[in-house]
N, C-alpha and C. Protein backbone atom coordinates (compact mmCIF):
# COMPACT_ATOMS: atom_id res chain seq x y z
N UNK A 1 273.26 78.10 170.46
CA UNK A 1 272.83 79.44 171.18
C UNK A 1 273.19 80.43 170.03
N UNK A 2 272.27 81.14 168.99
CA UNK A 2 272.09 81.30 168.03
C UNK A 2 272.63 83.47 167.87
N UNK A 3 273.38 83.60 167.94
CA UNK A 3 273.87 84.99 168.44
C UNK A 3 273.73 86.14 166.69
N UNK A 4 273.01 86.93 167.32
CA UNK A 4 272.22 87.91 165.76
C UNK A 4 272.14 89.32 166.25
N UNK A 5 272.94 89.59 167.84
CA UNK A 5 273.14 91.32 167.66
C UNK A 5 274.60 91.19 168.05
N UNK A 6 275.50 92.24 167.91
CA UNK A 6 276.50 92.26 168.71
C UNK A 6 276.19 92.39 170.43
N UNK A 7 277.02 92.56 170.99
CA UNK A 7 277.63 92.91 172.30
C UNK A 7 276.61 94.60 172.35
N UNK A 8 275.68 94.76 173.25
CA UNK A 8 275.39 96.40 173.53
C UNK A 8 276.01 97.45 173.72
N UNK A 9 276.88 97.09 174.93
CA UNK A 9 278.04 97.84 175.06
C UNK A 9 279.09 98.25 174.21
N UNK A 10 279.49 96.71 173.60
CA UNK A 10 280.35 96.86 172.61
C UNK A 10 279.88 98.10 171.85
N UNK A 11 278.64 97.73 171.10
CA UNK A 11 278.23 98.77 169.79
C UNK A 11 278.01 100.02 170.43
N UNK A 12 277.23 100.55 171.68
CA UNK A 12 277.33 101.78 172.37
C UNK A 12 279.29 102.45 172.43
N UNK A 13 279.97 101.64 172.98
CA UNK A 13 281.45 102.16 172.83
C UNK A 13 281.70 102.40 171.27
N UNK A 14 281.30 101.87 170.35
CA UNK A 14 281.90 102.23 169.21
C UNK A 14 281.64 103.10 168.71
N UNK A 15 279.99 103.34 168.97
CA UNK A 15 279.35 104.51 168.62
C UNK A 15 279.29 105.90 168.89
N UNK A 16 279.87 105.35 170.13
CA UNK A 16 279.31 107.13 170.91
C UNK A 16 281.10 107.74 170.82
N UNK A 17 282.22 106.78 171.35
CA UNK A 17 283.55 106.47 171.62
C UNK A 17 284.49 106.42 171.10
N UNK A 18 284.95 105.25 169.84
CA UNK A 18 285.27 104.69 169.34
C UNK A 18 285.60 106.10 167.50
N UNK A 19 284.58 106.01 167.41
CA UNK A 19 284.53 106.60 165.75
C UNK A 19 283.36 107.89 165.55
N UNK A 20 283.50 108.23 164.75
CA UNK A 20 281.86 108.94 164.37
C UNK A 20 282.12 108.54 162.59
N UNK A 21 282.28 107.87 162.09
CA UNK A 21 281.89 107.13 160.45
C UNK A 21 281.19 106.06 160.84
N UNK A 22 279.91 106.74 160.53
CA UNK A 22 279.09 105.55 160.10
C UNK A 22 279.05 104.39 158.91
N UNK A 23 279.90 105.02 157.86
CA UNK A 23 280.49 103.69 157.31
C UNK A 23 281.32 102.96 157.72
N UNK A 24 282.07 103.08 158.52
CA UNK A 24 283.20 102.03 159.35
C UNK A 24 282.25 101.32 160.25
N UNK A 25 281.26 101.75 160.67
CA UNK A 25 280.19 100.65 161.99
C UNK A 25 279.34 99.86 161.55
N UNK A 26 278.91 100.39 160.40
CA UNK A 26 278.16 99.70 158.94
C UNK A 26 279.06 98.34 158.77
N UNK A 27 280.56 98.83 158.23
CA UNK A 27 280.99 97.21 157.81
C UNK A 27 281.64 96.55 158.99
N UNK A 28 281.69 97.11 160.17
CA UNK A 28 282.13 96.08 161.65
C UNK A 28 280.60 95.46 161.83
N UNK A 29 279.40 96.44 161.75
CA UNK A 29 277.91 95.54 161.65
C UNK A 29 277.47 94.55 160.78
N UNK A 30 278.13 94.95 159.60
CA UNK A 30 278.05 94.08 158.45
C UNK A 30 278.70 92.65 158.59
N UNK A 31 279.73 93.31 158.91
CA UNK A 31 280.94 91.63 159.13
C UNK A 31 280.60 91.07 160.47
N UNK A 32 279.61 91.74 161.74
CA UNK A 32 279.59 90.45 162.86
C UNK A 32 278.45 89.70 162.01
N UNK A 33 277.67 90.09 161.17
CA UNK A 33 276.50 89.46 160.85
C UNK A 33 276.84 87.86 159.79
N UNK A 34 278.08 88.06 159.64
CA UNK A 34 278.49 86.76 158.90
C UNK A 34 279.07 86.23 159.81
N UNK A 35 279.97 86.76 161.04
CA UNK A 35 281.04 86.00 162.26
C UNK A 35 280.57 85.47 162.80
N UNK A 36 279.49 86.55 163.32
CA UNK A 36 279.00 86.25 164.68
C UNK A 36 279.68 86.05 166.20
N UNK A 37 280.71 86.49 166.22
CA UNK A 37 281.48 86.36 166.77
C UNK A 37 281.56 87.67 168.06
N UNK A 38 281.15 87.56 169.12
CA UNK A 38 281.19 88.38 170.05
C UNK A 38 283.00 88.85 170.76
N UNK A 39 283.07 87.87 170.37
CA UNK A 39 284.87 88.17 171.11
C UNK A 39 285.94 89.15 170.09
N UNK A 40 285.11 88.60 168.59
CA UNK A 40 285.73 89.28 167.26
C UNK A 40 285.26 90.18 167.10
N UNK A 41 284.48 90.86 167.67
CA UNK A 41 283.72 92.43 168.01
C UNK A 41 284.18 92.71 168.58
N UNK A 42 284.40 92.62 169.80
CA UNK A 42 284.85 93.07 171.19
C UNK A 42 286.42 93.28 170.44
N UNK A 43 286.86 92.85 169.90
CA UNK A 43 288.71 93.24 169.74
C UNK A 43 288.60 93.99 168.72
N UNK A 44 287.50 94.11 167.45
CA UNK A 44 287.76 95.40 166.60
C UNK A 44 287.45 96.89 167.36
N UNK A 45 286.12 96.73 168.24
CA UNK A 45 286.47 97.90 168.87
C UNK A 45 287.30 98.31 169.85
N UNK A 46 288.42 97.40 170.85
CA UNK A 46 289.06 97.60 171.26
C UNK A 46 290.32 98.08 170.93
N UNK A 47 290.44 97.56 169.41
CA UNK A 47 291.69 97.97 168.72
C UNK A 47 291.36 100.07 168.54
N UNK A 48 290.02 99.68 167.58
CA UNK A 48 290.04 101.50 167.34
C UNK A 48 289.91 102.37 167.99
N UNK A 49 289.17 101.74 169.41
CA UNK A 49 288.98 102.22 170.68
C UNK A 49 291.17 103.04 170.87
N UNK A 50 291.84 101.88 170.66
CA UNK A 50 293.39 102.56 170.89
C UNK A 50 293.86 103.08 169.83
N UNK A 51 293.33 103.41 168.53
CA UNK A 51 293.83 103.90 167.45
C UNK A 51 293.21 105.21 167.90
N UNK A 52 291.91 105.45 168.45
CA UNK A 52 291.47 107.08 168.43
C UNK A 52 291.93 107.74 169.38
N UNK A 53 292.05 106.88 170.46
CA UNK A 53 292.54 107.25 171.74
C UNK A 53 294.68 108.08 171.06
N UNK A 54 295.15 107.05 170.72
CA UNK A 54 296.32 107.51 169.74
C UNK A 54 296.09 108.75 169.24
N UNK A 55 295.35 108.84 168.18
CA UNK A 55 295.17 109.79 167.44
C UNK A 55 294.79 111.32 167.52
N UNK A 56 293.33 110.99 168.28
CA UNK A 56 292.93 112.15 169.16
C UNK A 56 294.30 113.13 170.33
N UNK A 57 295.22 111.92 170.94
CA UNK A 57 295.93 112.91 171.76
C UNK A 57 297.21 112.89 171.32
N UNK A 58 297.57 112.95 169.57
CA UNK A 58 298.17 113.23 168.49
C UNK A 58 300.00 113.23 169.59
N UNK A 59 299.94 113.49 170.85
CA UNK A 59 301.37 113.40 171.44
C UNK A 59 301.34 112.08 172.90
N UNK A 60 300.61 110.57 172.37
CA UNK A 60 300.57 110.14 173.56
C UNK A 60 301.29 109.74 174.29
N UNK A 61 302.56 109.30 174.03
CA UNK A 61 304.06 109.62 174.77
C UNK A 61 304.13 110.41 176.08
N UNK A 62 304.48 111.93 175.19
CA UNK A 62 303.73 113.30 176.09
C UNK A 62 302.56 113.15 176.80
N UNK A 63 301.55 112.61 176.59
CA UNK A 63 300.45 112.89 177.51
C UNK A 63 300.46 111.94 178.83
N UNK A 64 300.88 110.72 178.11
CA UNK A 64 300.90 109.71 179.36
C UNK A 64 302.08 110.26 180.28
N UNK A 65 303.33 110.83 179.95
CA UNK A 65 304.21 111.12 180.56
C UNK A 65 303.91 112.39 181.45
N UNK A 66 303.42 113.57 181.12
CA UNK A 66 302.61 114.31 182.17
C UNK A 66 301.72 114.04 182.56
N UNK A 67 300.69 112.78 182.65
CA UNK A 67 300.06 112.46 183.14
C UNK A 67 299.84 111.78 184.37
N UNK A 68 301.65 111.07 184.18
CA UNK A 68 302.76 109.81 185.26
C UNK A 68 303.24 111.17 186.18
N UNK A 69 303.30 112.41 185.61
CA UNK A 69 304.37 113.20 186.80
C UNK A 69 303.39 114.02 187.40
N UNK A 70 302.24 114.45 186.81
CA UNK A 70 301.20 115.83 187.35
C UNK A 70 300.58 115.36 188.70
N UNK A 71 300.37 114.03 188.81
CA UNK A 71 299.63 113.61 190.28
C UNK A 71 300.56 113.53 191.47
N UNK A 72 302.18 113.34 191.38
CA UNK A 72 303.20 113.55 192.28
C UNK A 72 303.26 114.86 192.42
N UNK A 73 303.05 116.19 191.76
CA UNK A 73 303.26 117.35 191.46
C UNK A 73 302.10 117.91 192.80
N UNK A 74 301.24 117.41 192.61
CA UNK A 74 299.98 117.53 192.65
C UNK A 74 300.23 117.39 194.70
N UNK A 75 300.86 116.27 194.96
CA UNK A 75 300.65 115.16 196.00
C UNK A 75 301.89 116.50 196.54
N UNK A 76 302.88 117.02 196.16
CA UNK A 76 303.81 117.98 196.77
C UNK A 76 303.10 119.08 196.93
N UNK A 77 302.49 119.37 196.34
CA UNK A 77 301.32 121.05 196.17
C UNK A 77 301.09 120.73 197.60
N UNK A 78 299.64 120.02 198.21
CA UNK A 78 299.36 119.07 198.54
C UNK A 78 299.81 119.73 199.86
N UNK A 79 300.97 119.15 200.24
CA UNK A 79 301.45 118.88 201.22
C UNK A 79 302.03 120.64 201.39
N UNK A 80 302.54 121.09 200.68
CA UNK A 80 302.37 122.77 200.84
C UNK A 80 301.40 123.57 201.14
N UNK A 81 300.98 123.25 200.38
CA UNK A 81 299.13 123.76 201.22
C UNK A 81 299.03 123.48 202.58
N UNK A 82 298.95 122.74 203.16
CA UNK A 82 298.82 122.44 204.46
C UNK A 82 299.50 123.58 205.40
N UNK A 83 300.57 124.05 204.77
CA UNK A 83 301.34 125.25 205.85
C UNK A 83 300.61 126.75 205.46
N UNK A 84 299.86 126.83 204.41
CA UNK A 84 299.32 128.00 204.49
C UNK A 84 298.10 128.07 205.64
N UNK A 85 298.53 129.14 206.17
CA UNK A 85 297.29 129.97 206.77
C UNK A 85 296.06 129.35 206.83
N UNK A 86 295.47 130.30 205.77
CA UNK A 86 293.58 129.79 204.94
C UNK A 86 293.53 128.36 204.88
N UNK A 87 294.46 127.41 204.53
CA UNK A 87 294.19 126.40 204.24
C UNK A 87 294.19 125.61 205.19
N UNK A 88 295.16 125.98 206.09
CA UNK A 88 294.71 124.98 207.82
C UNK A 88 293.71 125.52 208.51
N UNK A 89 293.32 126.65 208.50
CA UNK A 89 291.98 126.98 209.02
C UNK A 89 291.10 126.27 208.58
N UNK A 90 290.82 126.06 207.22
CA UNK A 90 290.10 125.15 206.55
C UNK A 90 290.23 123.74 207.29
N UNK A 91 291.19 122.70 207.45
CA UNK A 91 291.51 121.88 207.73
C UNK A 91 291.15 121.71 208.94
N UNK A 92 291.59 122.68 209.64
CA UNK A 92 291.25 122.76 211.14
C UNK A 92 289.43 122.89 211.47
N UNK A 93 288.97 123.82 210.50
CA UNK A 93 287.19 123.35 210.70
C UNK A 93 286.50 122.07 210.68
N UNK A 94 287.38 121.64 209.97
CA UNK A 94 286.96 119.77 209.42
C UNK A 94 287.34 118.60 210.53
N UNK A 95 288.46 119.40 211.41
CA UNK A 95 288.63 118.33 212.57
C UNK A 95 287.63 118.51 213.68
N UNK A 96 287.10 119.79 213.75
CA UNK A 96 286.29 120.37 214.50
C UNK A 96 285.02 119.66 215.40
N UNK A 97 284.47 118.54 213.86
CA UNK A 97 283.71 117.70 213.97
C UNK A 97 284.08 116.80 214.19
N UNK A 98 283.15 116.10 215.03
CA UNK A 98 283.05 114.50 215.31
C UNK A 98 283.68 113.33 214.24
N UNK A 99 283.75 112.91 214.70
CA UNK A 99 284.19 110.58 213.86
C UNK A 99 282.78 110.46 213.42
N UNK A 100 282.28 109.99 211.99
CA UNK A 100 283.52 110.08 211.00
C UNK A 100 283.09 111.50 209.99
N UNK A 101 282.55 112.54 210.56
CA UNK A 101 281.95 113.58 209.77
C UNK A 101 283.44 114.15 209.31
N UNK A 102 284.57 114.25 210.79
CA UNK A 102 285.53 115.19 210.32
C UNK A 102 286.22 114.40 208.85
N UNK A 103 286.46 113.03 209.43
CA UNK A 103 286.94 112.42 208.05
C UNK A 103 286.35 112.31 206.39
N UNK A 104 284.92 112.47 206.95
CA UNK A 104 284.73 113.11 205.21
C UNK A 104 284.33 114.44 204.63
N UNK A 105 284.69 115.46 205.96
CA UNK A 105 284.92 116.46 205.21
C UNK A 105 286.19 116.72 204.57
N UNK A 106 287.16 115.95 205.45
CA UNK A 106 288.74 116.28 205.44
C UNK A 106 288.77 115.68 203.76
N UNK A 107 288.56 114.32 203.40
CA UNK A 107 288.33 113.69 202.57
C UNK A 107 287.87 114.72 201.19
N UNK A 108 286.84 115.03 201.37
CA UNK A 108 286.36 116.53 200.31
C UNK A 108 286.79 117.47 199.83
N UNK A 109 287.59 117.88 201.10
CA UNK A 109 288.25 119.06 201.19
C UNK A 109 289.41 118.54 200.40
N UNK A 110 290.53 117.95 200.81
CA UNK A 110 291.59 117.36 199.80
C UNK A 110 291.21 116.74 198.58
N UNK A 111 290.18 116.19 198.54
CA UNK A 111 289.85 116.20 196.53
C UNK A 111 289.19 116.97 195.92
N UNK A 112 288.51 117.87 196.58
CA UNK A 112 287.95 119.34 195.95
C UNK A 112 289.61 119.82 195.46
N UNK A 113 290.56 120.17 195.96
CA UNK A 113 291.49 121.25 196.35
C UNK A 113 292.76 119.76 194.91
N UNK A 114 292.49 118.93 194.66
CA UNK A 114 293.16 118.03 194.14
C UNK A 114 292.35 117.83 192.51
N UNK A 115 291.06 118.14 192.52
CA UNK A 115 290.12 117.89 190.87
C UNK A 115 290.79 119.91 190.75
N UNK A 116 291.00 120.71 191.16
CA UNK A 116 291.52 122.13 190.73
C UNK A 116 292.52 122.08 190.35
N UNK A 117 293.75 121.49 191.12
CA UNK A 117 295.27 121.61 190.52
C UNK A 117 295.17 120.73 189.07
N UNK A 118 294.45 119.58 189.37
CA UNK A 118 294.18 118.45 187.86
C UNK A 118 294.27 119.51 187.44
N UNK A 119 292.74 120.04 187.33
CA UNK A 119 292.33 121.33 186.07
C UNK A 119 292.97 121.87 185.69
N UNK A 120 294.50 122.60 186.61
CA UNK A 120 294.97 123.72 186.90
C UNK A 120 296.11 122.90 185.23
N UNK A 121 296.57 121.55 185.68
CA UNK A 121 297.90 120.77 184.94
C UNK A 121 297.46 120.16 183.66
N UNK A 122 295.74 120.13 183.39
CA UNK A 122 295.05 120.36 181.76
C UNK A 122 295.32 120.95 181.54
N UNK A 123 295.08 122.26 181.66
CA UNK A 123 295.14 123.85 180.92
C UNK A 123 296.79 124.22 180.72
N UNK A 124 297.42 123.24 181.68
CA UNK A 124 299.15 123.70 181.74
C UNK A 124 299.49 122.50 180.06
N UNK A 125 298.63 121.47 180.61
CA UNK A 125 299.05 120.46 179.32
C UNK A 125 298.66 121.10 177.60
N UNK A 126 297.38 121.44 177.63
CA UNK A 126 296.50 121.72 176.22
C UNK A 126 297.38 122.88 176.04
N UNK A 127 297.71 124.09 177.27
CA UNK A 127 298.98 125.12 176.72
C UNK A 127 300.28 124.97 176.08
N UNK A 128 300.64 124.12 176.47
CA UNK A 128 301.89 123.95 175.88
C UNK A 128 301.98 122.76 174.60
N UNK A 129 300.69 122.16 174.28
CA UNK A 129 300.34 121.14 173.34
C UNK A 129 299.68 122.38 171.95
N UNK A 130 299.28 123.54 172.60
CA UNK A 130 298.83 124.65 171.42
C UNK A 130 297.58 123.78 171.22
N UNK A 131 296.67 123.27 172.23
CA UNK A 131 295.60 122.30 171.93
C UNK A 131 294.61 123.16 173.13
N UNK A 132 294.47 124.36 173.66
CA UNK A 132 293.97 124.50 174.50
C UNK A 132 292.43 125.81 173.65
N UNK A 133 291.34 125.22 174.05
CA UNK A 133 290.21 125.91 173.51
C UNK A 133 289.12 125.70 174.85
N UNK A 134 288.46 126.80 174.85
CA UNK A 134 287.20 126.54 176.42
C UNK A 134 286.50 125.53 176.33
N UNK A 135 285.89 125.12 175.36
CA UNK A 135 285.39 123.88 175.00
C UNK A 135 285.95 122.45 175.40
N UNK A 136 287.05 122.45 175.00
CA UNK A 136 288.21 121.10 175.05
C UNK A 136 288.07 121.17 176.60
N UNK A 137 288.82 122.24 177.36
CA UNK A 137 288.58 122.20 178.70
C UNK A 137 287.55 122.09 179.26
N UNK A 138 286.57 122.68 179.45
CA UNK A 138 285.48 122.56 180.14
C UNK A 138 285.18 121.12 180.32
N UNK A 139 285.28 120.12 178.99
CA UNK A 139 284.84 119.13 178.55
C UNK A 139 286.07 118.14 179.68
N UNK A 140 287.19 118.63 179.35
CA UNK A 140 288.18 117.94 180.47
C UNK A 140 288.18 118.17 181.44
N UNK A 141 287.68 119.29 182.06
CA UNK A 141 287.13 119.45 183.42
C UNK A 141 286.43 118.79 184.31
N UNK A 142 285.35 118.35 183.17
CA UNK A 142 284.47 117.87 184.24
C UNK A 142 284.75 116.39 184.38
N UNK A 143 285.67 115.73 183.34
CA UNK A 143 286.14 114.45 183.63
C UNK A 143 286.41 114.65 184.67
N UNK A 144 287.61 115.69 184.81
CA UNK A 144 287.93 115.87 185.99
C UNK A 144 287.54 115.27 187.78
N UNK A 145 286.35 116.27 187.36
CA UNK A 145 285.57 116.22 188.67
C UNK A 145 284.80 115.22 188.70
N UNK A 146 284.32 114.49 187.93
CA UNK A 146 283.70 113.47 188.11
C UNK A 146 284.62 112.30 188.53
N UNK A 147 285.63 112.27 187.79
CA UNK A 147 286.83 111.03 188.28
C UNK A 147 287.35 111.42 189.74
N UNK A 148 287.52 112.35 190.01
CA UNK A 148 287.63 112.75 191.40
C UNK A 148 286.18 112.11 192.50
N UNK A 149 285.56 112.76 191.97
CA UNK A 149 284.52 112.54 193.57
C UNK A 149 284.28 110.79 193.33
N UNK A 150 284.18 110.41 192.40
CA UNK A 150 284.62 108.97 192.22
C UNK A 150 285.45 108.32 193.12
N UNK A 151 286.50 108.97 192.66
CA UNK A 151 287.57 108.38 193.63
C UNK A 151 287.41 108.68 194.57
N UNK A 152 287.09 109.46 195.32
CA UNK A 152 287.11 109.82 196.85
C UNK A 152 285.94 109.34 197.47
N UNK A 153 284.86 109.28 196.58
CA UNK A 153 283.89 108.47 197.32
C UNK A 153 284.08 106.40 197.72
N UNK A 154 285.07 106.08 196.67
CA UNK A 154 285.53 104.78 196.57
C UNK A 154 286.48 104.66 197.71
N UNK A 155 287.57 105.61 197.86
CA UNK A 155 288.75 105.57 199.03
C UNK A 155 287.47 105.66 200.33
N UNK A 156 286.69 106.31 200.80
CA UNK A 156 286.01 106.47 201.96
C UNK A 156 285.34 105.24 202.20
N UNK A 157 285.08 104.58 201.19
CA UNK A 157 284.03 103.73 201.92
C UNK A 157 284.93 102.69 202.05
N UNK A 158 286.22 102.10 201.27
CA UNK A 158 287.30 101.26 201.27
C UNK A 158 287.45 101.85 203.34
N UNK A 159 287.99 103.05 203.51
CA UNK A 159 289.13 103.02 204.53
C UNK A 159 288.27 103.43 205.86
N UNK A 160 286.75 103.47 205.51
CA UNK A 160 285.83 103.10 206.88
C UNK A 160 285.75 101.68 206.72
N UNK A 161 285.91 100.78 205.99
CA UNK A 161 285.35 99.50 206.12
C UNK A 161 286.29 98.87 206.48
N UNK A 162 287.75 99.35 206.36
CA UNK A 162 289.23 98.94 206.27
C UNK A 162 289.14 98.29 208.01
N UNK A 163 289.86 96.81 207.73
CA UNK A 163 290.36 96.03 209.17
C UNK A 163 291.93 96.08 209.02
N UNK A 164 292.55 96.71 207.72
CA UNK A 164 294.29 97.04 207.92
C UNK A 164 294.92 97.83 207.81
N UNK A 165 294.47 98.48 209.14
CA UNK A 165 295.13 100.40 208.95
C UNK A 165 296.21 100.14 209.29
N UNK A 166 296.49 99.28 210.15
CA UNK A 166 297.99 98.64 210.40
C UNK A 166 299.29 98.69 209.46
N UNK A 167 298.86 98.28 208.25
CA UNK A 167 299.72 97.98 207.21
C UNK A 167 300.11 99.48 206.57
N UNK A 168 299.65 100.27 206.92
CA UNK A 168 299.78 101.87 206.45
C UNK A 168 300.98 102.50 207.51
N UNK A 169 300.94 101.97 208.57
CA UNK A 169 301.87 102.28 209.14
C UNK A 169 303.07 101.87 209.00
N UNK A 170 303.31 101.25 208.45
CA UNK A 170 304.96 100.74 207.21
C UNK A 170 305.31 101.13 206.00
N UNK A 171 306.60 101.49 205.97
CA UNK A 171 306.79 102.46 204.75
C UNK A 171 306.59 101.50 203.27
N UNK A 172 306.58 100.06 203.58
CA UNK A 172 306.18 99.25 202.19
C UNK A 172 304.54 100.00 201.93
N UNK A 173 303.65 99.48 203.07
CA UNK A 173 302.03 100.06 203.28
C UNK A 173 301.78 101.60 202.62
N UNK A 174 302.68 102.44 202.94
CA UNK A 174 302.49 103.81 202.61
C UNK A 174 302.80 103.33 201.46
N UNK A 175 303.59 103.08 200.96
CA UNK A 175 304.34 103.27 199.48
C UNK A 175 303.21 102.85 198.55
N UNK A 176 302.71 101.47 199.04
CA UNK A 176 301.89 101.05 198.08
C UNK A 176 300.03 101.45 198.16
N UNK A 177 300.21 102.21 199.33
CA UNK A 177 298.91 103.25 199.71
C UNK A 177 299.24 104.48 198.41
N UNK A 178 300.34 105.25 198.45
CA UNK A 178 300.16 106.10 197.25
C UNK A 178 300.37 105.75 195.89
N UNK A 179 300.92 104.58 195.68
CA UNK A 179 300.75 104.54 194.13
C UNK A 179 299.29 103.75 193.80
N UNK A 180 298.87 102.53 194.69
CA UNK A 180 297.38 102.23 194.49
C UNK A 180 296.39 103.64 194.65
N UNK A 181 296.66 103.81 195.51
CA UNK A 181 295.28 104.63 196.14
C UNK A 181 295.45 106.10 195.45
N UNK A 182 296.06 106.36 195.17
CA UNK A 182 296.23 107.97 194.79
C UNK A 182 297.13 107.90 193.56
N UNK A 183 298.16 107.43 193.40
CA UNK A 183 298.80 107.65 191.78
C UNK A 183 298.42 107.00 190.47
N UNK A 184 297.88 106.17 190.74
CA UNK A 184 297.08 105.01 189.44
C UNK A 184 296.10 105.75 189.18
N UNK A 185 294.99 106.11 190.22
CA UNK A 185 293.91 106.30 189.88
C UNK A 185 294.01 108.38 189.18
N UNK A 186 294.74 108.70 189.71
CA UNK A 186 294.98 110.17 189.25
C UNK A 186 295.68 110.37 188.18
N UNK A 187 296.80 109.26 188.08
CA UNK A 187 297.04 109.25 186.29
C UNK A 187 295.76 108.92 185.06
N UNK A 188 295.30 107.73 185.80
CA UNK A 188 293.93 107.42 184.61
C UNK A 188 293.24 109.06 184.57
N UNK A 189 292.64 109.47 185.64
CA UNK A 189 291.63 110.14 185.50
C UNK A 189 292.36 111.34 184.53
N UNK A 190 293.63 111.61 184.88
CA UNK A 190 294.49 113.06 184.45
C UNK A 190 294.15 112.24 182.86
N UNK A 191 294.47 111.22 182.32
CA UNK A 191 295.02 111.20 180.96
C UNK A 191 293.62 110.49 179.96
N UNK A 192 292.45 110.68 181.18
CA UNK A 192 291.31 110.94 180.47
C UNK A 192 290.42 112.04 180.16
N UNK A 193 290.82 112.53 181.30
CA UNK A 193 290.44 114.00 180.78
C UNK A 193 291.57 114.89 179.43
N UNK A 194 292.30 114.38 179.73
CA UNK A 194 293.80 115.05 178.39
C UNK A 194 292.98 114.15 176.82
N UNK A 195 292.32 113.19 176.94
CA UNK A 195 292.29 112.68 175.96
C UNK A 195 290.39 113.42 175.33
N UNK A 196 289.61 113.37 176.43
CA UNK A 196 288.35 114.50 176.39
C UNK A 196 288.56 115.28 175.89
N UNK A 197 289.64 116.12 176.62
CA UNK A 197 289.93 117.81 176.13
C UNK A 197 290.26 118.00 174.42
N UNK A 198 291.42 116.94 174.31
CA UNK A 198 291.74 116.57 172.56
C UNK A 198 290.63 116.28 171.53
N UNK A 199 290.08 115.27 172.26
CA UNK A 199 288.75 114.97 171.58
C UNK A 199 287.74 115.52 170.98
N UNK A 200 287.51 116.40 171.68
CA UNK A 200 286.46 117.87 171.79
C UNK A 200 286.70 119.15 171.20
N UNK A 201 287.61 118.81 171.30
CA UNK A 201 288.20 120.02 170.59
C UNK A 201 288.59 119.90 169.50
N UNK A 202 289.06 118.68 168.96
CA UNK A 202 289.32 117.87 167.61
C UNK A 202 287.63 118.11 166.81
N UNK A 203 286.84 117.25 167.75
CA UNK A 203 285.67 117.49 166.37
C UNK A 203 285.10 118.74 166.38
N UNK A 204 285.31 119.76 167.43
CA UNK A 204 285.17 121.28 167.07
C UNK A 204 285.47 121.46 165.89
N UNK A 205 286.37 121.40 165.77
CA UNK A 205 287.59 121.91 164.28
C UNK A 205 286.67 120.99 163.37
N UNK A 206 286.56 120.06 163.27
CA UNK A 206 286.05 119.43 162.06
C UNK A 206 284.35 119.56 161.84
N UNK A 207 283.86 119.59 163.09
CA UNK A 207 282.20 120.59 163.00
C UNK A 207 282.50 121.79 162.03
N UNK A 208 283.53 122.81 162.74
CA UNK A 208 283.28 124.27 162.16
C UNK A 208 284.48 124.25 160.46
N UNK A 209 284.68 123.27 160.11
CA UNK A 209 285.71 123.12 158.90
C UNK A 209 284.03 122.55 158.00
N UNK A 210 283.13 121.36 158.58
CA UNK A 210 282.27 121.36 157.86
C UNK A 210 281.74 122.27 157.70
N UNK A 211 281.10 123.27 158.50
CA UNK A 211 280.16 124.07 158.71
C UNK A 211 280.95 125.55 157.62
N UNK A 212 281.95 125.64 157.49
CA UNK A 212 282.82 126.25 156.47
C UNK A 212 282.52 126.12 155.27
N UNK A 213 282.42 124.74 154.91
CA UNK A 213 282.50 123.62 153.50
C UNK A 213 281.18 124.44 152.91
N UNK A 214 279.98 124.23 153.54
CA UNK A 214 278.47 124.10 153.30
C UNK A 214 278.38 125.34 153.34
N UNK A 215 279.10 126.64 154.40
CA UNK A 215 278.56 128.17 153.50
C UNK A 215 279.35 128.35 152.72
N UNK A 216 280.33 127.82 151.75
CA UNK A 216 280.92 128.13 151.19
C UNK A 216 280.71 127.62 149.29
N UNK A 217 279.44 126.55 149.82
CA UNK A 217 279.19 125.92 148.84
C UNK A 217 277.49 126.47 148.00
C-alpha cells in the first residue's frame, strides 16, 4: 500500500491545535513525503502539541496542580450548597418528578452548578497568573460548559444502564466512583479550559502585536 497523504486527523490537529507556523507545517508535510510513515507523522504532531501545551500554559505544573485541587473544592462546595435553603428548594423541585425525569433534572442541576464553579476557578487561576482577559476567559468557559455537558450526558447513560449499583455502596466503590466519574474528567476539563484560555490570550496578544507593527510601518 503506497501512502501518499498524511493522516487527516493528525494534519488537522497540526494545523489547528499544535502550531500557527506555516513554515513548520510545510516542513513536516515535505518530510512526510520522503518518509511516508503515518506513525512518524503522528509522533511529530503529538510531540509538537505537548510542547505547545507547555508553552501556552507557561507554568504547566501550576496549572496541573490547580486543576487537580479545584474539582475536590467544587465537590466540597456542592455539599455545602445542599444546605442552602434556596438551592435545596431547587433540588426538592427535581425530586417532585417521577423517575427517570427526577434523575435527569437533578443531574442537570448538579452539572450546571459544577460548570459555574469551574468557570469561577478558571477566572481565579487566570487572575493569579496575571493572564486574565475577557476573550481567553470566554473561550475557557465555553470549553468548561461543553466538556461538562458531555461528561454529564455520558454519566447519565452509564448510570441508567448500570447493572452494578451495589458496588457504589462500598467504600472502595465510592472512592473509585469519585476518582473515575468525577475527579478525573473534571481535572481534564479544567486543564483543557486553562490551556484554551491561555492559548486564546496568547494568540490575541500576538495578533495585536502584529497589527501594531504593521501600523507603525
